[in-house]
Amino acid sequence: MLFLLFTTLMAASLGPIGPDAPALEPQIAAKGSIVALTFGAGSAIYFSESQDSARTFSSPLKVAEADVVPLTRHRGPRIAWSGGTIVISAVAGKTLSHEQHAP
């Protein structure tokens, strides 16, 4: 539990990835000593990994961008292992909704 909390706090403290684009909604998936991390910032999804049990992480790599990437109410990107493959999924769109449950 402490490991998960530490990694989530580390992702949240990455600071802005770009002007007015804080790192939001971090998620992790671990397999052995490899820890995979994804988060959103602005209208992009980023990925970073650790090969040493979360002692150090690679520089964030932008893996996707869309017109709208909801990063509120636990709607950020998700990450999981599928065999030896890391899978990142996210909700994305072209227009921002203004409905009752929109971000």
PDB file of N, CA and C in Angstrom:
ATOM      1  N   MET A   1       0.826  -1.200   0.000  1.00  0.00           N
ATOM      2  CA  MET A   1       0.000   0.000   0.000  1.00  0.00           C
ATOM      3  C   MET A   1       0.865   1.257   0.000  1.00  0.00           C
ATOM      4  N   LEU A   2       1.925   1.264   0.793  1.00  0.00           N
ATOM      5  CA  LEU A   2       2.812   2.419   0.844  1.00  0.00           C
ATOM      6  C   LEU A   2       3.465   2.656  -0.518  1.00  0.00           C
ATOM      7  N   PHE A   3       3.868   1.569  -1.202  1.00  0.00           N
ATOM      8  CA  PHE A   3       4.469   1.672  -2.529  1.00  0.00           C
ATOM      9  C   PHE A   3       3.502   2.356  -3.497  1.00  0.00           C
ATOM     10  N   LEU A   4       2.239   1.940  -3.499  1.00  0.00           N
ATOM     11  CA  LEU A   4       1.228   2.525  -4.372  1.00  0.00           C
ATOM     12  C   LEU A   4       1.053   4.003  -4.060  1.00  0.00           C
ATOM     13  N   LEU A   5       0.960   4.348  -2.796  1.00  0.00           N
ATOM     14  CA  LEU A   5       0.781   5.741  -2.392  1.00  0.00           C
ATOM     15  C   LEU A   5       1.984   6.575  -2.824  1.00  0.00           C
ATOM     16  N   PHE A   6       3.194   6.073  -2.611  1.00  0.00           N
ATOM     17  CA  PHE A   6       4.400   6.797  -3.003  1.00  0.00           C
ATOM     18  C   PHE A   6       4.421   7.062  -4.509  1.00  0.00           C
ATOM     19  N   THR A   7       4.124   6.045  -5.284  1.00  0.00           N
ATOM     20  CA  THR A   7       4.168   6.198  -6.737  1.00  0.00           C
ATOM     21  C   THR A   7       3.108   7.165  -7.223  1.00  0.00           C
ATOM     22  N   THR A   8       1.921   7.110  -6.642  1.00  0.00           N
ATOM     23  CA  THR A   8       0.862   8.036  -7.020  1.00  0.00           C
ATOM     24  C   THR A   8       1.252   9.463  -6.659  1.00  0.00           C
ATOM     25  N   LEU A   9       1.832   9.665  -5.493  1.00  0.00           N
ATOM     26  CA  LEU A   9       2.275  11.001  -5.103  1.00  0.00           C
ATOM     27  C   LEU A   9       3.384  11.495  -6.021  1.00  0.00           C
ATOM     28  N   MET A  10       4.288  10.594  -6.407  1.00  0.00           N
ATOM     29  CA  MET A  10       5.350  10.969  -7.324  1.00  0.00           C
ATOM     30  C   MET A  10       4.762  11.457  -8.648  1.00  0.00           C
ATOM     31  N   ALA A  11       3.781  10.768  -9.162  1.00  0.00           N
ATOM     32  CA  ALA A  11       3.158  11.172 -10.421  1.00  0.00           C
ATOM     33  C   ALA A  11       2.457  12.515 -10.267  1.00  0.00           C
ATOM     34  N   ALA A  12       1.785  12.707  -9.151  1.00  0.00           N
ATOM     35  CA  ALA A  12       1.058  13.951  -8.924  1.00  0.00           C
ATOM     36  C   ALA A  12       2.019  15.131  -8.766  1.00  0.00           C
ATOM     37  N   SER A  13       3.265  14.861  -8.353  1.00  0.00           N
ATOM     38  CA  SER A  13       4.200  15.957  -8.134  1.00  0.00           C
ATOM     39  C   SER A  13       5.096  16.218  -9.341  1.00  0.00           C
ATOM     40  N   LEU A  14       4.782  15.634 -10.488  1.00  0.00           N
ATOM     41  CA  LEU A  14       5.574  15.899 -11.689  1.00  0.00           C
ATOM     42  C   LEU A  14       5.497  17.359 -12.092  1.00  0.00           C
ATOM     43  N   GLY A  15       4.444  18.026 -11.650  1.00  0.00           N
ATOM     44  CA  GLY A  15       4.281  19.425 -12.003  1.00  0.00           C
ATOM     45  C   GLY A  15       3.724  19.566 -13.414  1.00  0.00           C
ATOM     46  N   PRO A  16       3.712  20.776 -13.924  1.00  0.00           N
ATOM     47  CA  PRO A  16       3.173  20.990 -15.265  1.00  0.00           C
ATOM     48  C   PRO A  16       4.035  20.317 -16.326  1.00  0.00           C
ATOM     49  N   ILE A  17       3.392  19.674 -17.272  1.00  0.00           N
ATOM     50  CA  ILE A  17       4.089  19.094 -18.401  1.00  0.00           C
ATOM     51  C   ILE A  17       4.256  20.169 -19.471  1.00  0.00           C
ATOM     52  N   GLY A  18       3.332  21.095 -19.512  1.00  0.00           N
ATOM     53  CA  GLY A  18       3.390  22.226 -20.427  1.00  0.00           C
ATOM     54  C   GLY A  18       2.724  23.398 -19.741  1.00  0.00           C
ATOM     55  N   PRO A  19       2.663  24.542 -20.410  1.00  0.00           N
ATOM     56  CA  PRO A  19       1.998  25.695 -19.807  1.00  0.00           C
ATOM     57  C   PRO A  19       0.551  25.356 -19.424  1.00  0.00           C
ATOM     58  N   ASP A  20       0.202  25.603 -18.186  1.00  0.00           N
ATOM     59  CA  ASP A  20      -1.162  25.363 -17.690  1.00  0.00           C
ATOM     60  C   ASP A  20      -1.617  23.913 -17.866  1.00  0.00           C
ATOM     61  N   ALA A  21      -0.709  22.946 -17.780  1.00  0.00           N
ATOM     62  CA  ALA A  21      -1.068  21.533 -17.971  1.00  0.00           C
ATOM     63  C   ALA A  21      -0.472  20.684 -16.849  1.00  0.00           C
ATOM     64  N   PRO A  22      -1.109  20.686 -15.668  1.00  0.00           N
ATOM     65  CA  PRO A  22      -0.583  19.856 -14.576  1.00  0.00           C
ATOM     66  C   PRO A  22      -0.799  18.367 -14.856  1.00  0.00           C
ATOM     67  N   ALA A  23       0.062  17.537 -14.295  1.00  0.00           N
ATOM     68  CA  ALA A  23      -0.083  16.082 -14.397  1.00  0.00           C
ATOM     69  C   ALA A  23      -1.256  15.666 -13.510  1.00  0.00           C
ATOM     70  N   LEU A  24      -2.253  14.970 -14.084  1.00  0.00           N
ATOM     71  CA  LEU A  24      -3.465  14.596 -13.361  1.00  0.00           C
ATOM     72  C   LEU A  24      -3.798  13.119 -13.537  1.00  0.00           C
ATOM     73  N   GLU A  25      -4.556  12.583 -12.611  1.00  0.00           N
ATOM     74  CA  GLU A  25      -5.098  11.220 -12.675  1.00  0.00           C
ATOM     75  C   GLU A  25      -4.032  10.142 -12.909  1.00  0.00           C
ATOM     76  N   PRO A  26      -2.979  10.091 -12.093  1.00  0.00           N
ATOM     77  CA  PRO A  26      -1.951   9.065 -12.286  1.00  0.00           C
ATOM     78  C   PRO A  26      -2.481   7.665 -11.982  1.00  0.00           C
ATOM     79  N   GLN A  27      -2.001   6.690 -12.733  1.00  0.00           N
ATOM     80  CA  GLN A  27      -2.342   5.281 -12.536  1.00  0.00           C
ATOM     81  C   GLN A  27      -1.069   4.464 -12.735  1.00  0.00           C
ATOM     82  N   ILE A  28      -0.925   3.382 -11.965  1.00  0.00           N
ATOM     83  CA  ILE A  28       0.248   2.528 -12.109  1.00  0.00           C
ATOM     84  C   ILE A  28      -0.143   1.075 -12.288  1.00  0.00           C
ATOM     85  N   ALA A  29       0.787   0.311 -12.867  1.00  0.00           N
ATOM     86  CA  ALA A  29       0.677  -1.138 -12.969  1.00  0.00           C
ATOM     87  C   ALA A  29       2.088  -1.680 -12.775  1.00  0.00           C
ATOM     88  N   ALA A  30       2.238  -2.661 -11.906  1.00  0.00           N
ATOM     89  CA  ALA A  30       3.561  -3.208 -11.616  1.00  0.00           C
ATOM     90  C   ALA A  30       3.615  -4.690 -11.953  1.00  0.00           C
ATOM     91  N   LYS A  31       4.792  -5.115 -12.412  1.00  0.00           N
ATOM     92  CA  LYS A  31       5.036  -6.518 -12.721  1.00  0.00           C
ATOM     93  C   LYS A  31       6.492  -6.776 -12.371  1.00  0.00           C
ATOM     94  N   GLY A  32       6.712  -7.474 -11.270  1.00  0.00           N
ATOM     95  CA  GLY A  32       8.079  -7.665 -10.790  1.00  0.00           C
ATOM     96  C   GLY A  32       8.662  -6.324 -10.398  1.00  0.00           C
ATOM     97  N   SER A  33       9.857  -6.025 -10.893  1.00  0.00           N
ATOM     98  CA  SER A  33      10.501  -4.752 -10.568  1.00  0.00           C
ATOM     99  C   SER A  33      10.161  -3.651 -11.569  1.00  0.00           C
ATOM    100  N   ILE A  34       9.329  -3.957 -12.573  1.00  0.00           N
ATOM    101  CA  ILE A  34       8.939  -2.952 -13.562  1.00  0.00           C
ATOM    102  C   ILE A  34       7.638  -2.293 -13.114  1.00  0.00           C
ATOM    103  N   VAL A  35       7.658  -0.975 -13.036  1.00  0.00           N
ATOM    104  CA  VAL A  35       6.478  -0.202 -12.667  1.00  0.00           C
ATOM    105  C   VAL A  35       6.141   0.716 -13.836  1.00  0.00           C
ATOM    106  N   ALA A  36       4.941   0.600 -14.357  1.00  0.00           N
ATOM    107  CA  ALA A  36       4.476   1.421 -15.469  1.00  0.00           C
ATOM    108  C   ALA A  36       3.527   2.482 -14.923  1.00  0.00           C
ATOM    109  N   LEU A  37       3.674   3.701 -15.394  1.00  0.00           N
ATOM    110  CA  LEU A  37       2.905   4.836 -14.896  1.00  0.00           C
ATOM    111  C   LEU A  37       2.302   5.581 -16.075  1.00  0.00           C
ATOM    112  N   THR A  38       1.035   5.963 -15.972  1.00  0.00           N
ATOM    113  CA  THR A  38       0.412   6.821 -16.976  1.00  0.00           C
ATOM    114  C   THR A  38      -0.324   7.947 -16.262  1.00  0.00           C
ATOM    115  N   PHE A  39      -0.469   9.059 -16.946  1.00  0.00           N
ATOM    116  CA  PHE A  39      -1.213  10.198 -16.411  1.00  0.00           C
ATOM    117  C   PHE A  39      -1.580  11.100 -17.574  1.00  0.00           C
ATOM    118  N   GLY A  40      -2.485  12.033 -17.330  1.00  0.00           N
ATOM    119  CA  GLY A  40      -2.872  12.992 -18.341  1.00  0.00           C
ATOM    120  C   GLY A  40      -2.370  14.375 -17.983  1.00  0.00           C
ATOM    121  N   ALA A  41      -2.148  15.191 -18.994  1.00  0.00           N
ATOM    122  CA  ALA A  41      -1.776  16.595 -18.800  1.00  0.00           C
ATOM    123  C   ALA A  41      -2.268  17.357 -20.019  1.00  0.00           C
ATOM    124  N   GLY A  42      -3.100  18.361 -19.775  1.00  0.00           N
ATOM    125  CA  GLY A  42      -3.673  19.107 -20.895  1.00  0.00           C
ATOM    126  C   GLY A  42      -4.545  18.191 -21.735  1.00  0.00           C
ATOM    127  N   SER A  43      -4.227  18.063 -22.996  1.00  0.00           N
ATOM    128  CA  SER A  43      -5.005  17.182 -23.876  1.00  0.00           C
ATOM    129  C   SER A  43      -4.172  15.979 -24.321  1.00  0.00           C
ATOM    130  N   ALA A  44      -3.213  15.578 -23.487  1.00  0.00           N
ATOM    131  CA  ALA A  44      -2.325  14.473 -23.847  1.00  0.00           C
ATOM    132  C   ALA A  44      -2.260  13.422 -22.744  1.00  0.00           C
ATOM    133  N   ILE A  45      -1.868  12.216 -23.150  1.00  0.00           N
ATOM    134  CA  ILE A  45      -1.651  11.094 -22.248  1.00  0.00           C
ATOM    135  C   ILE A  45      -0.158  10.794 -22.265  1.00  0.00           C
ATOM    136  N   TYR A  46       0.426  10.599 -21.081  1.00  0.00           N
ATOM    137  CA  TYR A  46       1.852  10.347 -20.947  1.00  0.00           C
ATOM    138  C   TYR A  46       2.117   8.995 -20.297  1.00  0.00           C
ATOM    139  N   PHE A  47       3.330   8.479 -20.530  1.00  0.00           N
ATOM    140  CA  PHE A  47       3.766   7.200 -19.977  1.00  0.00           C
ATOM    141  C   PHE A  47       5.192   7.363 -19.454  1.00  0.00           C
ATOM    142  N   SER A  48       5.459   6.719 -18.332  1.00  0.00           N
ATOM    143  CA  SER A  48       6.799   6.665 -17.775  1.00  0.00           C
ATOM    144  C   SER A  48       6.960   5.291 -17.148  1.00  0.00           C
ATOM    145  N   GLU A  49       8.197   4.786 -17.084  1.00  0.00           N
ATOM    146  CA  GLU A  49       8.393   3.480 -16.470  1.00  0.00           C
ATOM    147  C   GLU A  49       9.622   3.463 -15.588  1.00  0.00           C
ATOM    148  N   SER A  50       9.602   2.531 -14.663  1.00  0.00           N
ATOM    149  CA  SER A  50      10.727   2.279 -13.780  1.00  0.00           C
ATOM    150  C   SER A  50      11.138   0.831 -13.953  1.00  0.00           C
ATOM    151  N   GLN A  51      12.415   0.589 -14.065  1.00  0.00           N
ATOM    152  CA  GLN A  51      12.949  -0.769 -14.157  1.00  0.00           C
ATOM    153  C   GLN A  51      13.524  -1.213 -12.811  1.00  0.00           C
ATOM    154  N   ASP A  52      13.493  -0.320 -11.810  1.00  0.00           N
ATOM    155  CA  ASP A  52      14.125  -0.614 -10.519  1.00  0.00           C
ATOM    156  C   ASP A  52      13.163  -0.437  -9.335  1.00  0.00           C
ATOM    157  N   SER A  53      11.973  -0.995  -9.479  1.00  0.00           N
ATOM    158  CA  SER A  53      10.962  -0.985  -8.392  1.00  0.00           C
ATOM    159  C   SER A  53      10.588   0.422  -7.945  1.00  0.00           C
ATOM    160  N   ALA A  54      10.490   1.356  -8.863  1.00  0.00           N
ATOM    161  CA  ALA A  54      10.031   2.738  -8.624  1.00  0.00           C
ATOM    162  C   ALA A  54      11.059   3.607  -7.916  1.00  0.00           C
ATOM    163  N   ARG A  55      12.321   3.214  -7.935  1.00  0.00           N
ATOM    164  CA  ARG A  55      13.355   4.090  -7.385  1.00  0.00           C
ATOM    165  C   ARG A  55      13.609   5.270  -8.330  1.00  0.00           C
ATOM    166  N   THR A  56      13.615   4.989  -9.626  1.00  0.00           N
ATOM    167  CA  THR A  56      13.769   6.040 -10.629  1.00  0.00           C
ATOM    168  C   THR A  56      12.790   5.775 -11.766  1.00  0.00           C
ATOM    169  N   PHE A  57      12.411   6.824 -12.478  1.00  0.00           N
ATOM    170  CA  PHE A  57      11.485   6.711 -13.604  1.00  0.00           C
ATOM    171  C   PHE A  57      12.082   7.383 -14.836  1.00  0.00           C
ATOM    172  N   SER A  58      11.691   6.873 -15.995  1.00  0.00           N
ATOM    173  CA  SER A  58      12.096   7.497 -17.247  1.00  0.00           C
ATOM    174  C   SER A  58      11.388   8.837 -17.390  1.00  0.00           C
ATOM    175  N   SER A  59      11.901   9.685 -18.267  1.00  0.00           N
ATOM    176  CA  SER A  59      11.217  10.944 -18.568  1.00  0.00           C
ATOM    177  C   SER A  59       9.865  10.617 -19.188  1.00  0.00           C
ATOM    178  N   PRO A  60       8.829  11.388 -18.864  1.00  0.00           N
ATOM    179  CA  PRO A  60       7.509  11.121 -19.445  1.00  0.00           C
ATOM    180  C   PRO A  60       7.538  11.198 -20.965  1.00  0.00           C
ATOM    181  N   LEU A  61       6.847  10.242 -21.589  1.00  0.00           N
ATOM    182  CA  LEU A  61       6.742  10.158 -23.040  1.00  0.00           C
ATOM    183  C   LEU A  61       5.278  10.356 -23.425  1.00  0.00           C
ATOM    184  N   LYS A  62       5.001  11.311 -24.317  1.00  0.00           N
ATOM    185  CA  LYS A  62       3.630  11.527 -24.778  1.00  0.00           C
ATOM    186  C   LYS A  62       3.248  10.365 -25.685  1.00  0.00           C
ATOM    187  N   VAL A  63       2.145   9.654 -25.340  1.00  0.00           N
ATOM    188  CA  VAL A  63       1.726   8.499 -26.141  1.00  0.00           C
ATOM    189  C   VAL A  63       0.472   8.766 -26.954  1.00  0.00           C
ATOM    190  N   ALA A  64      -0.288   9.811 -26.611  1.00  0.00           N
ATOM    191  CA  ALA A  64      -1.509  10.133 -27.358  1.00  0.00           C
ATOM    192  C   ALA A  64      -1.913  11.565 -27.052  1.00  0.00           C
ATOM    193  N   GLU A  65      -2.678  12.141 -27.983  1.00  0.00           N
ATOM    194  CA  GLU A  65      -3.219  13.484 -27.797  1.00  0.00           C
ATOM    195  C   GLU A  65      -4.553  13.557 -28.532  1.00  0.00           C
ATOM    196  N   ALA A  66      -5.491  14.294 -27.980  1.00  0.00           N
ATOM    197  CA  ALA A  66      -6.812  14.462 -28.596  1.00  0.00           C
ATOM    198  C   ALA A  66      -7.301  15.878 -28.306  1.00  0.00           C
ATOM    199  N   ASP A  67      -8.372  16.269 -28.969  1.00  0.00           N
ATOM    200  CA  ASP A  67      -8.939  17.594 -28.710  1.00  0.00           C
ATOM    201  C   ASP A  67      -9.392  17.721 -27.257  1.00  0.00           C
ATOM    202  N   VAL A  68     -10.042  16.676 -26.735  1.00  0.00           N
ATOM    203  CA  VAL A  68     -10.538  16.670 -25.354  1.00  0.00           C
ATOM    204  C   VAL A  68     -10.135  15.354 -24.694  1.00  0.00           C
ATOM    205  N   VAL A  69      -9.453  15.451 -23.553  1.00  0.00           N
ATOM    206  CA  VAL A  69      -9.111  14.292 -22.732  1.00  0.00           C
ATOM    207  C   VAL A  69      -9.602  14.591 -21.320  1.00  0.00           C
ATOM    208  N   PRO A  70     -10.738  14.005 -20.902  1.00  0.00           N
ATOM    209  CA  PRO A  70     -11.251  14.277 -19.558  1.00  0.00           C
ATOM    210  C   PRO A  70     -10.269  13.802 -18.486  1.00  0.00           C
ATOM    211  N   LEU A  71      -9.909  14.703 -17.574  1.00  0.00           N
ATOM    212  CA  LEU A  71      -8.975  14.368 -16.504  1.00  0.00           C
ATOM    213  C   LEU A  71      -9.546  14.748 -15.147  1.00  0.00           C
ATOM    214  N   THR A  72     -10.840  14.516 -14.977  1.00  0.00           N
ATOM    215  CA  THR A  72     -11.513  14.789 -13.711  1.00  0.00           C
ATOM    216  C   THR A  72     -12.380  13.597 -13.338  1.00  0.00           C
ATOM    217  N   ARG A  73     -12.794  13.559 -12.099  1.00  0.00           N
ATOM    218  CA  ARG A  73     -13.724  12.529 -11.617  1.00  0.00           C
ATOM    219  C   ARG A  73     -13.274  11.114 -11.971  1.00  0.00           C
ATOM    220  N   HIS A  74     -11.993  10.842 -11.814  1.00  0.00           N
ATOM    221  CA  HIS A  74     -11.416   9.506 -12.055  1.00  0.00           C
ATOM    222  C   HIS A  74     -11.587   9.051 -13.501  1.00  0.00           C
ATOM    223  N   ARG A  75     -11.552   9.980 -14.447  1.00  0.00           N
ATOM    224  CA  ARG A  75     -11.718   9.644 -15.861  1.00  0.00           C
ATOM    225  C   ARG A  75     -10.402   9.654 -16.622  1.00  0.00           C
ATOM    226  N   GLY A  76      -9.296   9.745 -15.937  1.00  0.00           N
ATOM    227  CA  GLY A  76      -8.006   9.790 -16.609  1.00  0.00           C
ATOM    228  C   GLY A  76      -7.635   8.460 -17.239  1.00  0.00           C
ATOM    229  N   PRO A  77      -6.459   8.380 -17.812  1.00  0.00           N
ATOM    230  CA  PRO A  77      -6.023   7.152 -18.475  1.00  0.00           C
ATOM    231  C   PRO A  77      -5.863   6.004 -17.484  1.00  0.00           C
ATOM    232  N   ARG A  78      -5.970   4.791 -17.986  1.00  0.00           N
ATOM    233  CA  ARG A  78      -5.793   3.579 -17.183  1.00  0.00           C
ATOM    234  C   ARG A  78      -4.662   2.776 -17.803  1.00  0.00           C
ATOM    235  N   ILE A  79      -3.985   1.989 -16.965  1.00  0.00           N
ATOM    236  CA  ILE A  79      -2.856   1.199 -17.432  1.00  0.00           C
ATOM    237  C   ILE A  79      -2.933  -0.202 -16.847  1.00  0.00           C
ATOM    238  N   ALA A  80      -2.542  -1.196 -17.628  1.00  0.00           N
ATOM    239  CA  ALA A  80      -2.571  -2.591 -17.174  1.00  0.00           C
ATOM    240  C   ALA A  80      -1.558  -3.407 -17.961  1.00  0.00           C
ATOM    241  N   TRP A  81      -1.175  -4.509 -17.386  1.00  0.00           N
ATOM    242  CA  TRP A  81      -0.338  -5.487 -18.084  1.00  0.00           C
ATOM    243  C   TRP A  81      -1.233  -6.514 -18.746  1.00  0.00           C
ATOM    244  N   SER A  82      -0.902  -6.907 -19.951  1.00  0.00           N
ATOM    245  CA  SER A  82      -1.568  -8.014 -20.644  1.00  0.00           C
ATOM    246  C   SER A  82      -0.448  -8.914 -21.156  1.00  0.00           C
ATOM    247  N   GLY A  83      -0.136  -9.940 -20.372  1.00  0.00           N
ATOM    248  CA  GLY A  83       1.028 -10.757 -20.680  1.00  0.00           C
ATOM    249  C   GLY A  83       2.274  -9.908 -20.535  1.00  0.00           C
ATOM    250  N   GLY A  84       3.048  -9.777 -21.586  1.00  0.00           N
ATOM    251  CA  GLY A  84       4.243  -8.940 -21.563  1.00  0.00           C
ATOM    252  C   GLY A  84       4.038  -7.571 -22.163  1.00  0.00           C
ATOM    253  N   THR A  85       2.786  -7.185 -22.390  1.00  0.00           N
ATOM    254  CA  THR A  85       2.464  -5.911 -23.035  1.00  0.00           C
ATOM    255  C   THR A  85       1.813  -4.954 -22.043  1.00  0.00           C
ATOM    256  N   ILE A  86       2.186  -3.697 -22.113  1.00  0.00           N
ATOM    257  CA  ILE A  86       1.542  -2.659 -21.307  1.00  0.00           C
ATOM    258  C   ILE A  86       0.445  -2.038 -22.161  1.00  0.00           C
ATOM    259  N   VAL A  87      -0.764  -1.970 -21.598  1.00  0.00           N
ATOM    260  CA  VAL A  87      -1.915  -1.408 -22.312  1.00  0.00           C
ATOM    261  C   VAL A  87      -2.367  -0.147 -21.587  1.00  0.00           C
ATOM    262  N   ILE A  88      -2.510   0.950 -22.340  1.00  0.00           N
ATOM    263  CA  ILE A  88      -3.027   2.205 -21.797  1.00  0.00           C
ATOM    264  C   ILE A  88      -4.325   2.516 -22.517  1.00  0.00           C
ATOM    265  N   SER A  89      -5.379   2.812 -21.765  1.00  0.00           N
ATOM    266  CA  SER A  89      -6.657   3.202 -22.361  1.00  0.00           C
ATOM    267  C   SER A  89      -7.076   4.553 -21.788  1.00  0.00           C
ATOM    268  N   ALA A  90      -7.836   5.292 -22.579  1.00  0.00           N
ATOM    269  CA  ALA A  90      -8.304   6.601 -22.127  1.00  0.00           C
ATOM    270  C   ALA A  90      -9.545   6.996 -22.913  1.00  0.00           C
ATOM    271  N   VAL A  91     -10.360   7.833 -22.307  1.00  0.00           N
ATOM    272  CA  VAL A  91     -11.511   8.417 -22.987  1.00  0.00           C
ATOM    273  C   VAL A  91     -11.012   9.686 -23.669  1.00  0.00           C
ATOM    274  N   ALA A  92     -11.394   9.883 -24.909  1.00  0.00           N
ATOM    275  CA  ALA A  92     -10.981  11.082 -25.639  1.00  0.00           C
ATOM    276  C   ALA A  92     -12.087  11.467 -26.611  1.00  0.00           C
ATOM    277  N   GLY A  93     -12.114  12.726 -27.015  1.00  0.00           N
ATOM    278  CA  GLY A  93     -13.143  13.166 -27.944  1.00  0.00           C
ATOM    279  C   GLY A  93     -12.740  14.417 -28.692  1.00  0.00           C
ATOM    280  N   LYS A  94     -13.692  14.940 -29.440  1.00  0.00           N
ATOM    281  CA  LYS A  94     -13.433  16.145 -30.237  1.00  0.00           C
ATOM    282  C   LYS A  94     -14.093  17.387 -29.659  1.00  0.00           C
ATOM    283  N   THR A  95     -15.180  17.210 -28.874  1.00  0.00           N
ATOM    284  CA  THR A  95     -15.867  18.374 -28.304  1.00  0.00           C
ATOM    285  C   THR A  95     -16.094  18.165 -26.821  1.00  0.00           C
ATOM    286  N   LEU A  96     -16.023  19.231 -26.075  1.00  0.00           N
ATOM    287  CA  LEU A  96     -16.243  19.221 -24.648  1.00  0.00           C
ATOM    288  C   LEU A  96     -17.737  19.255 -24.356  1.00  0.00           C
ATOM    289  N   SER A  97     -18.215  18.333 -23.533  1.00  0.00           N
ATOM    290  CA  SER A  97     -19.626  18.290 -23.163  1.00  0.00           C
ATOM    291  C   SER A  97     -19.892  19.253 -22.003  1.00  0.00           C
ATOM    292  N   HIS A  98     -21.081  19.805 -21.975  1.00  0.00           N
ATOM    293  CA  HIS A  98     -21.477  20.690 -20.880  1.00  0.00           C
ATOM    294  C   HIS A  98     -22.674  20.110 -20.128  1.00  0.00           C
ATOM    295  N   GLU A  99     -22.885  18.810 -20.271  1.00  0.00           N
ATOM    296  CA  GLU A  99     -23.965  18.124 -19.580  1.00  0.00           C
ATOM    297  C   GLU A  99     -23.685  18.038 -18.076  1.00  0.00           C
ATOM    298  N   GLN A 100     -24.665  17.588 -17.307  1.00  0.00           N
ATOM    299  CA  GLN A 100     -24.596  17.541 -15.862  1.00  0.00           C
ATOM    300  C   GLN A 100     -23.371  16.772 -15.349  1.00  0.00           C
ATOM    301  N   HIS A 101     -23.025  15.644 -15.934  1.00  0.00           N
ATOM    302  CA  HIS A 101     -21.929  14.821 -15.435  1.00  0.00           C
ATOM    303  C   HIS A 101     -20.649  14.978 -16.240  1.00  0.00           C
ATOM    304  N   ALA A 102     -20.541  16.027 -17.022  1.00  0.00           N
ATOM    305  CA  ALA A 102     -19.339  16.276 -17.820  1.00  0.00           C
ATOM    306  C   ALA A 102     -18.215  16.743 -16.892  1.00  0.00           C
ATOM    307  N   PRO A 103     -16.974  16.659 -17.370  1.00  0.00           N
ATOM    308  CA  PRO A 103     -15.832  17.077 -16.525  1.00  0.00           C
ATOM    309  C   PRO A 103     -15.855  18.535 -16.179  1.00  0.00           C
TER     310      PRO A 103
END
